[in-house]
Amino acid sequence: MTTEPRPGTDRSLLFIVKPSSYAAAGVPVFMRVELHGEEGAVPLVEVFTAEEGEYVKVAAARAGQTLSLAEPYEITFDPAVLAGPRRR
């Protein structure tokens, strides 16, 4: 599994190039994490699994919702925990 934090990186790199590279390398699951939206810190976590060499979104949750996965690891969390106070 791989996770994609998105701190302002080129969207075509994140949405086209990297997922294609991961699929070609045989990565079965990846998560894309978006910490900031138009209204500030609104974490969004999207989970994708590989099917026939392409990724399909299998789950997504924003702050205030619960993301639950059984595979590849059992995990349940609210993406809001990703936008806690920053250290200075």
N, C-alpha and C. Protein backbone atom coordinates (compact mmCIF):
# COMPACT_ATOMS: atom_id res chain seq x y z
N MET A 1 0.85 -1.16 0.00
CA MET A 1 0.00 0.00 0.00
C MET A 1 0.90 1.23 0.00
N THR A 2 0.44 2.27 -0.66
CA THR A 2 1.12 3.55 -0.63
C THR A 2 0.10 4.63 -0.31
N THR A 3 0.57 5.73 0.24
CA THR A 3 -0.29 6.85 0.59
C THR A 3 0.19 8.08 -0.15
N GLU A 4 -0.72 8.90 -0.63
CA GLU A 4 -0.38 10.10 -1.38
C GLU A 4 -0.79 11.35 -0.62
N PRO A 5 0.12 12.02 0.11
CA PRO A 5 -0.22 13.33 0.65
C PRO A 5 -0.16 14.34 -0.49
N ARG A 6 -1.04 15.34 -0.46
CA ARG A 6 -1.10 16.28 -1.57
C ARG A 6 -0.85 17.71 -1.09
N PRO A 7 0.39 18.14 -0.98
CA PRO A 7 0.67 19.49 -0.50
C PRO A 7 0.76 20.53 -1.61
N GLY A 8 -0.01 20.40 -2.70
CA GLY A 8 0.05 21.37 -3.79
C GLY A 8 0.84 20.86 -4.98
N THR A 9 1.07 19.57 -5.05
CA THR A 9 1.79 18.97 -6.16
C THR A 9 0.94 19.05 -7.42
N ASP A 10 1.61 19.03 -8.58
CA ASP A 10 0.93 19.05 -9.87
C ASP A 10 -0.13 17.95 -9.93
N ARG A 11 -1.36 18.33 -10.22
CA ARG A 11 -2.48 17.39 -10.21
C ARG A 11 -2.33 16.28 -11.25
N SER A 12 -1.78 16.59 -12.43
CA SER A 12 -1.62 15.53 -13.43
C SER A 12 -0.62 14.48 -12.95
N LEU A 13 0.39 14.91 -12.21
CA LEU A 13 1.35 13.96 -11.64
C LEU A 13 0.64 13.04 -10.64
N LEU A 14 -0.21 13.63 -9.81
CA LEU A 14 -0.89 12.85 -8.76
C LEU A 14 -2.02 11.98 -9.28
N PHE A 15 -2.72 12.44 -10.29
CA PHE A 15 -3.91 11.72 -10.74
C PHE A 15 -3.65 10.80 -11.93
N ILE A 16 -2.56 11.01 -12.67
CA ILE A 16 -2.30 10.20 -13.86
C ILE A 16 -0.98 9.46 -13.78
N VAL A 17 0.11 10.19 -13.60
CA VAL A 17 1.45 9.58 -13.66
C VAL A 17 1.71 8.63 -12.51
N LYS A 18 1.54 9.09 -11.28
CA LYS A 18 1.85 8.23 -10.13
C LYS A 18 0.96 6.99 -10.06
N PRO A 19 -0.37 7.13 -10.19
CA PRO A 19 -1.18 5.91 -10.14
C PRO A 19 -0.81 4.90 -11.23
N SER A 20 -0.50 5.36 -12.42
CA SER A 20 -0.09 4.44 -13.49
C SER A 20 1.20 3.73 -13.13
N SER A 21 2.13 4.47 -12.53
CA SER A 21 3.41 3.88 -12.10
C SER A 21 3.19 2.85 -11.00
N TYR A 22 2.32 3.18 -10.06
CA TYR A 22 2.03 2.24 -8.97
C TYR A 22 1.40 0.96 -9.51
N ALA A 23 0.43 1.11 -10.42
CA ALA A 23 -0.23 -0.07 -10.99
C ALA A 23 0.77 -0.93 -11.75
N ALA A 24 1.66 -0.30 -12.52
CA ALA A 24 2.67 -1.04 -13.27
C ALA A 24 3.63 -1.78 -12.34
N ALA A 25 3.86 -1.21 -11.16
CA ALA A 25 4.77 -1.84 -10.19
C ALA A 25 4.07 -2.90 -9.35
N GLY A 26 2.76 -3.04 -9.52
CA GLY A 26 2.03 -4.07 -8.78
C GLY A 26 1.56 -3.67 -7.40
N VAL A 27 1.51 -2.36 -7.12
CA VAL A 27 1.01 -1.89 -5.82
C VAL A 27 -0.50 -2.14 -5.79
N PRO A 28 -0.99 -2.98 -4.88
CA PRO A 28 -2.40 -3.36 -4.90
C PRO A 28 -3.37 -2.30 -4.37
N VAL A 29 -2.89 -1.42 -3.47
CA VAL A 29 -3.77 -0.42 -2.85
C VAL A 29 -3.00 0.87 -2.66
N PHE A 30 -3.66 2.01 -2.94
CA PHE A 30 -3.05 3.27 -2.53
C PHE A 30 -4.11 4.22 -2.03
N MET A 31 -3.68 5.14 -1.15
CA MET A 31 -4.56 6.15 -0.58
C MET A 31 -4.09 7.51 -1.04
N ARG A 32 -5.03 8.34 -1.42
CA ARG A 32 -4.72 9.72 -1.75
C ARG A 32 -5.28 10.56 -0.60
N VAL A 33 -4.45 11.41 -0.02
CA VAL A 33 -4.85 12.23 1.12
C VAL A 33 -4.77 13.70 0.72
N GLU A 34 -5.90 14.40 0.82
CA GLU A 34 -5.93 15.82 0.53
C GLU A 34 -6.25 16.54 1.84
N LEU A 35 -5.29 17.33 2.32
CA LEU A 35 -5.45 17.97 3.62
C LEU A 35 -6.14 19.32 3.57
N HIS A 36 -6.07 20.00 2.44
CA HIS A 36 -6.64 21.35 2.36
C HIS A 36 -7.56 21.46 1.16
N GLY A 37 -8.67 22.13 1.37
CA GLY A 37 -9.60 22.40 0.29
C GLY A 37 -9.84 23.89 0.21
N GLU A 38 -10.84 24.27 -0.53
CA GLU A 38 -11.14 25.69 -0.69
C GLU A 38 -11.53 26.35 0.63
N GLU A 39 -12.02 25.56 1.57
CA GLU A 39 -12.48 26.12 2.84
C GLU A 39 -11.51 25.82 3.98
N GLY A 40 -10.24 25.61 3.67
CA GLY A 40 -9.26 25.33 4.71
C GLY A 40 -9.02 23.86 4.90
N ALA A 41 -8.75 23.48 6.13
CA ALA A 41 -8.41 22.08 6.42
C ALA A 41 -9.67 21.22 6.41
N VAL A 42 -9.85 20.49 5.34
CA VAL A 42 -10.98 19.57 5.21
C VAL A 42 -10.42 18.24 4.68
N PRO A 43 -9.76 17.48 5.51
CA PRO A 43 -9.12 16.27 5.01
C PRO A 43 -10.08 15.35 4.26
N LEU A 44 -9.58 14.87 3.14
CA LEU A 44 -10.29 13.88 2.33
C LEU A 44 -9.32 12.73 2.10
N VAL A 45 -9.75 11.52 2.37
CA VAL A 45 -8.94 10.32 2.12
C VAL A 45 -9.70 9.47 1.12
N GLU A 46 -9.03 9.12 0.02
CA GLU A 46 -9.61 8.24 -0.99
C GLU A 46 -8.76 6.98 -1.06
N VAL A 47 -9.41 5.83 -1.17
CA VAL A 47 -8.71 4.55 -1.22
C VAL A 47 -9.01 3.89 -2.57
N PHE A 48 -7.95 3.44 -3.23
CA PHE A 48 -8.06 2.82 -4.54
C PHE A 48 -7.44 1.43 -4.51
N THR A 49 -8.04 0.48 -5.23
CA THR A 49 -7.45 -0.85 -5.38
C THR A 49 -7.23 -1.12 -6.86
N ALA A 50 -6.21 -1.91 -7.14
CA ALA A 50 -5.86 -2.25 -8.52
C ALA A 50 -6.79 -3.33 -9.05
N GLU A 51 -7.33 -3.09 -10.24
CA GLU A 51 -8.15 -4.08 -10.93
C GLU A 51 -7.78 -4.03 -12.40
N GLU A 52 -7.21 -5.12 -12.89
CA GLU A 52 -6.81 -5.24 -14.29
C GLU A 52 -5.89 -4.10 -14.72
N GLY A 53 -4.92 -3.76 -13.88
CA GLY A 53 -3.92 -2.76 -14.22
C GLY A 53 -4.35 -1.32 -14.04
N GLU A 54 -5.54 -1.09 -13.53
CA GLU A 54 -6.02 0.27 -13.27
C GLU A 54 -6.58 0.33 -11.85
N TYR A 55 -6.65 1.53 -11.31
CA TYR A 55 -7.17 1.69 -9.96
C TYR A 55 -8.65 2.08 -9.98
N VAL A 56 -9.37 1.52 -9.02
CA VAL A 56 -10.79 1.81 -8.83
C VAL A 56 -10.96 2.32 -7.41
N LYS A 57 -11.69 3.44 -7.26
CA LYS A 57 -11.94 3.97 -5.92
C LYS A 57 -12.90 3.04 -5.19
N VAL A 58 -12.47 2.59 -4.00
CA VAL A 58 -13.30 1.67 -3.21
C VAL A 58 -13.83 2.29 -1.93
N ALA A 59 -13.27 3.43 -1.52
CA ALA A 59 -13.73 4.09 -0.30
C ALA A 59 -13.25 5.53 -0.31
N ALA A 60 -14.00 6.38 0.38
CA ALA A 60 -13.61 7.78 0.55
C ALA A 60 -14.31 8.32 1.79
N ALA A 61 -13.65 9.23 2.48
CA ALA A 61 -14.25 9.88 3.65
C ALA A 61 -13.61 11.24 3.86
N ARG A 62 -14.41 12.19 4.31
CA ARG A 62 -13.94 13.53 4.67
C ARG A 62 -13.97 13.66 6.19
N ALA A 63 -13.42 14.77 6.66
CA ALA A 63 -13.47 15.06 8.09
C ALA A 63 -14.91 14.97 8.57
N GLY A 64 -15.10 14.31 9.71
CA GLY A 64 -16.42 14.13 10.27
C GLY A 64 -17.09 12.83 9.86
N GLN A 65 -16.47 12.13 8.90
CA GLN A 65 -16.97 10.83 8.47
C GLN A 65 -16.00 9.76 8.96
N THR A 66 -16.40 8.51 8.84
CA THR A 66 -15.53 7.41 9.25
C THR A 66 -15.10 6.62 8.03
N LEU A 67 -13.80 6.41 7.91
CA LEU A 67 -13.25 5.57 6.86
C LEU A 67 -12.92 4.23 7.49
N SER A 68 -13.49 3.16 6.95
CA SER A 68 -13.23 1.82 7.47
C SER A 68 -12.76 0.92 6.34
N LEU A 69 -11.65 0.24 6.57
CA LEU A 69 -11.12 -0.71 5.59
C LEU A 69 -10.86 -2.03 6.28
N ALA A 70 -11.05 -3.11 5.56
CA ALA A 70 -10.72 -4.44 6.07
C ALA A 70 -9.41 -4.93 5.48
N GLU A 71 -9.08 -4.45 4.28
CA GLU A 71 -7.86 -4.88 3.61
C GLU A 71 -7.17 -3.68 2.99
N PRO A 72 -5.89 -3.63 2.84
CA PRO A 72 -4.94 -4.69 3.20
C PRO A 72 -4.69 -4.77 4.70
N TYR A 73 -5.16 -3.73 5.44
CA TYR A 73 -5.05 -3.73 6.90
C TYR A 73 -6.38 -3.24 7.44
N GLU A 74 -6.79 -3.78 8.56
CA GLU A 74 -8.02 -3.31 9.18
C GLU A 74 -7.74 -1.98 9.84
N ILE A 75 -8.53 -0.96 9.45
CA ILE A 75 -8.34 0.37 10.00
C ILE A 75 -9.67 1.11 9.96
N THR A 76 -9.91 1.92 10.98
CA THR A 76 -11.10 2.77 11.03
C THR A 76 -10.66 4.09 11.66
N PHE A 77 -10.95 5.20 10.96
CA PHE A 77 -10.61 6.51 11.53
C PHE A 77 -11.41 7.60 10.83
N ASP A 78 -11.46 8.75 11.50
CA ASP A 78 -12.06 9.96 10.95
C ASP A 78 -10.92 10.79 10.38
N PRO A 79 -10.94 11.15 9.09
CA PRO A 79 -9.87 11.94 8.51
C PRO A 79 -9.60 13.27 9.21
N ALA A 80 -10.51 13.72 10.07
CA ALA A 80 -10.28 14.96 10.82
C ALA A 80 -9.02 14.88 11.67
N VAL A 81 -8.63 13.67 12.08
CA VAL A 81 -7.43 13.53 12.91
C VAL A 81 -6.17 13.93 12.15
N LEU A 82 -6.25 14.01 10.83
CA LEU A 82 -5.08 14.38 10.03
C LEU A 82 -4.85 15.88 9.99
N ALA A 83 -5.80 16.66 10.48
CA ALA A 83 -5.69 18.12 10.45
C ALA A 83 -5.62 18.71 11.84
N GLY A 84 -4.92 18.04 12.72
CA GLY A 84 -4.75 18.54 14.08
C GLY A 84 -3.91 19.80 14.09
N PRO A 85 -3.72 20.38 15.26
CA PRO A 85 -2.91 21.60 15.36
C PRO A 85 -1.48 21.35 14.89
N ARG A 86 -0.94 22.34 14.20
CA ARG A 86 0.43 22.23 13.70
C ARG A 86 1.41 22.73 14.74
N ARG A 87 2.56 22.09 14.75
CA ARG A 87 3.63 22.54 15.65
C ARG A 87 4.36 23.70 15.02
N ARG A 88 4.84 24.61 15.85
CA ARG A 88 5.58 25.76 15.33
C ARG A 88 7.03 25.60 15.62
